[in-house]
Every structure is written in C-alpha cells, then in structure tokens.
Amino acid sequence: MRVAVTGATSDFGTTILPVLLADPEVSAVVGLSRRELQISHPKLESRRMDVRDPGLEEALRDCAAVVHLAFVVEEIRDKCETHDINLRGSRNVIDCAYRAGARRVVIASSVNAYGPQLRPKPVTEDVYPEGDPVRYYFHDKAEVEHYAEWWLRRHPGQMAISMLRPTYIVGPDFANDGIEQLTGPVAVFPQADEAAYQFLHQGDLADAFHRAVKADLVGPYNVGPTDWVGVRELAAMQGQRLFEVPERPAVVVANAAFRLGLTPFSGHWVTAGETVVDSSRLTAATGWRPSMSAREAAAIMILLQGKSLLRREDGLARHAACEAALAPASKIVGVDGSGLDHVQIATPTGGVHAEVHADQSGSRRGTVLIAAPPGSHARHLTPMAAEVCARGLDVVVLDLPGHGLSTGERGRAPRRAVRAALAAATAYARARFDREPVVLGARGGDGLRVPGRTRALRGRFGTAPGYRRADPLLPRTVRYDDSLGHLPRADTTADVLRLAGFGRGRR
C-alpha cells in the first residue's frame, strides 16, 4: 500500500509519518511539503511541492490513500494567502487524488469546524460544521469539509473521503502559541466557567489517522477523549492565574496587539475554549480508543512545557501516560519503558513518582531504593536500574519533589519535602517487596553541590540548553538543601551492587 502525506513537515506530519512507516502493509510513503523533510527512511520518498501545484496529480499517482495535513494554522497577516493555501490547496488535493486513482483521502479537519460558540457537551457529527467567517481557521476548516461533502455527492462511491476532527493536540512534537498561552503564568478567557478543552495526546491522534488510512471511511469523524478539562481546573493544576474577560473587548485588544507585532495571534483565536465532542462514531467504525484521558494529556502538556504540576491528584501514574511524558527522555537514554512499573507515592506535601523494576527471576536477593539527583529524574537512571534488577534485586528509582513526574514546584526540592519523599518511598518499597530497602543516592551534575542556592543546570544532566530542550522534564533551575548528602552515592551498577552488599562475583 502506497500512501501520500501532504504537510509532511508539520506537527501532524511529524507525528503520523513514523506510524505509517512502521506499518509492514505500507510499502511506501510519499512526503509532500514546501520544506525539506528532516527524517529519512527506506520507505519514505520526499517531494517539495505546494498543495496548490497542478503537478500534484503526478506526485499522487499509484497512491492508494492520501492524508491531507497541509494547512495554515499559525497566523500570518495575509489572510488572502491563508485562504488560498487552505481552500484552493485542499480542493486541489481532493481533485488530484481522484484523477491519480487514489481509493481514499483522509483530511485533517478540526473540532473548530463546528464554530467558536459554546454548545451542550458533548457534540456528535450530526451538528452542522458552520465555522466562523471572522475567524480564518474556523472558517477554512468548515469550508474544506463543505467542499468534501459536495464532492462526495457529485461522485458517489468513486473515492472515500473522511474528515477527522481532532480536539486539542498535545505532545512532545507539538509546540504552538496556544500551548504557550494555556501553560503561561497568566491566562484570560471569555466565559471561563464554561470554557473547556479535550486534550488529545499525539500518539492517539496518529493512531486515529493510521486506522483511517486503512479503512473506507466517509464523512466527518470526531477524534477526542471522553472527558474534558475546564480552564479553571487547568489553571488550578499548574498554579496559573486566570482572569475572565468579556469576549468583544478581548478581541479588540488582541487585534491591536497583533497589528503592532506584540503578540503572535489576533482576535481570530480569542474564544471560550473549544467544542467538546463525542467520538463514539470513530470508535464504532475503526475500534479506535484514546489511550489517555484529557486530564492526563493536560498534565503531560504542562510537564513538557517545563511547568509545575502542583496537586497530588494530578500526578501521572498509569504506565501509558507516564511513558508518554517520558518519551523525549526515553529517546535520549535509549529505553522504551517496558518491563517496569510507575507509581505515584503520596507524601504530606504532594506526590512523588517512582519507577519500579521488580525482579522476575525469583531470586529475591534484596531491594534498593535509588533517589535520582537534583536536576535529573528517574528515566536517566533506567538503564542502570534495569541492570541491577537483572542481577536479582528489586529496584525503586525515585523522582525528587518538583522533578520528573513528581508534583511540586519545578526544580524545588526543599529538605522537608525530600525527607518526606524518602520516607514514603522507603515505606512503599518495604511494603511491596516485604524487606527493608537499601537507600542510595545517584550523583548529579556540577553546580548542584551548594546547599540552599538556586543554580542553573550544568554537568551530566543538562550542560547545554539544547539538552534541556531535548528533555523538557529537566528543570531550568534547581533549588535544593543538600537533603541527599547523607546517602551513599552510586554512579554505576557495580556501585549499587557493592553498596547493597552484593559485590562483584556474588550471585
């Protein structure tokens, strides 16, 4: 099966391409974009092309399916150019796909096609996508759907066209002005008591498109989780200051700021959240189900922005959600998170996350609790923990408060909170493995040795800003009180075995 993808260099493309390339039933993927693709793969063919190009038909030749992702999302000043790319480009994709002999076209639409007005929750595909003529993105998403519906009526049974309407997408490959606003220190919203979002993780988005590529779906399909997060709840999760403002004055101010170059968006994007949708139609047609809730995806968004999750109840604990948040770090370290558990351990000041490597050999040689160093987190110790576990020991690797997937102010590990975390993790390890754990510390980077000082990250766990960007869970600054100074330090598997009383040669 040969598949073409327009907008291959977009956030959507970066997320969906790897899933298509990993499918053994997909023989080739044609990546179409105006920019050069940054990935390479034996099955990937890269072509630089505008979706308005009449030569698109030849590029789509022999493709069984076309995934249309190309669209102007981030606002530009020239709205005529915006509409031309979005509308004429989308029509060209549909027409060229048909002439090239494609069996199906999958279009990336949006819940914004329903328009900006708040509706009873949740909405099904029976509601007409009316868009909004004064908001380019809402208008164009709806207009593309209208053309697709018109085309289907003109060509019954000749080519399947599906329009997937995802909710708000988050994940390590998604960065935009909207996410910056949603996780900033201050947020303003019209109708803040009613405004809400269904945050959808990028992995679930890719799964939906992958299924649509291999099925003859026709018409619109909502793509979102079953729950939603109100903007007041989102603010409480991260300690954000939220203000409610009337919509019309907010639009006027946003338009003026955009014209002056003070903000990257205009009043086109000032809305009371998004339409909350029901995605059961897609589930019935393809079996698709989101692997994460909107609340879990919201927590991941906050953490990947380097912001704080402040409340114990918002800490991530399910394996799928934890691994999704840890994906950038896993890529650096070279692990996939299989064969281990994730737990959130309650403490008097919040909740701390731990990776648990349980010995499966039955040898039950002992239990080790390793505290990740300030400025780092447990995933950077996963390879060492796995090696120790393979020697017959149960291993618990602890994130300090405000680090990794633990709750608390980012980068802050005060003495009282650290001691409470160690006590709670020790009690957890004792109860789970029915023995007293050996408690160890792991060495951190340079610049983290002065108690009570706020230091920029340096050394092994964050020398360069680029390293922190590659792993956004690493805090920008760290403040701690040398609360781990009393623990024996372990840098290697051999150190852990020796300090736990199992030196080299003892099996």
Foldseek 3Di string as FASTA:
>chain_A
DEEEEEPLQALLNVLQVVVLLPDPVHQAYEYEEQDFDPDDDPRYHYDHDQLLDLCVLVVLAPHQEYEYDDADDQDDPPLVVRLCSLPSSLVSVVVSNLVNQHQEYEYEAALLQLPQDEDPPAAEPVRQRNFDPVQSNNNSSVNSQVVQVVVCVVPPPRHAYEYEHEWAEDALSDDDPVLCQLQDQEHEAAPQVRFKTFYAYSNLVSVLVVQPRVDRHHYYAYRGAPDIGGSVRLCLQFVHHYYYDHLPVQQVVQQVCVVVVNDSDHSSPHGRHGHHHDRVVSCVRRVRHGPDGSLLSSLLSNLLQQTFRAAQVSFDFAQVSLQRSCVLVCVVQVDRSPQWGWHWFDFPRHTKIKIKRAQPPPPAPAEAEEEEDQQAACSNCVVQQNVLSPVPYIYIYIYADLARRHGDGHQEHELVRRVRRVVRVQVVRCVVSVDGHQYAYEDAAPPPPDAQDKGADPGDNDNDPVSCNSNVRRHRIHHYGCNRVVGHYDHHSQRRCVSRPRHPPRD
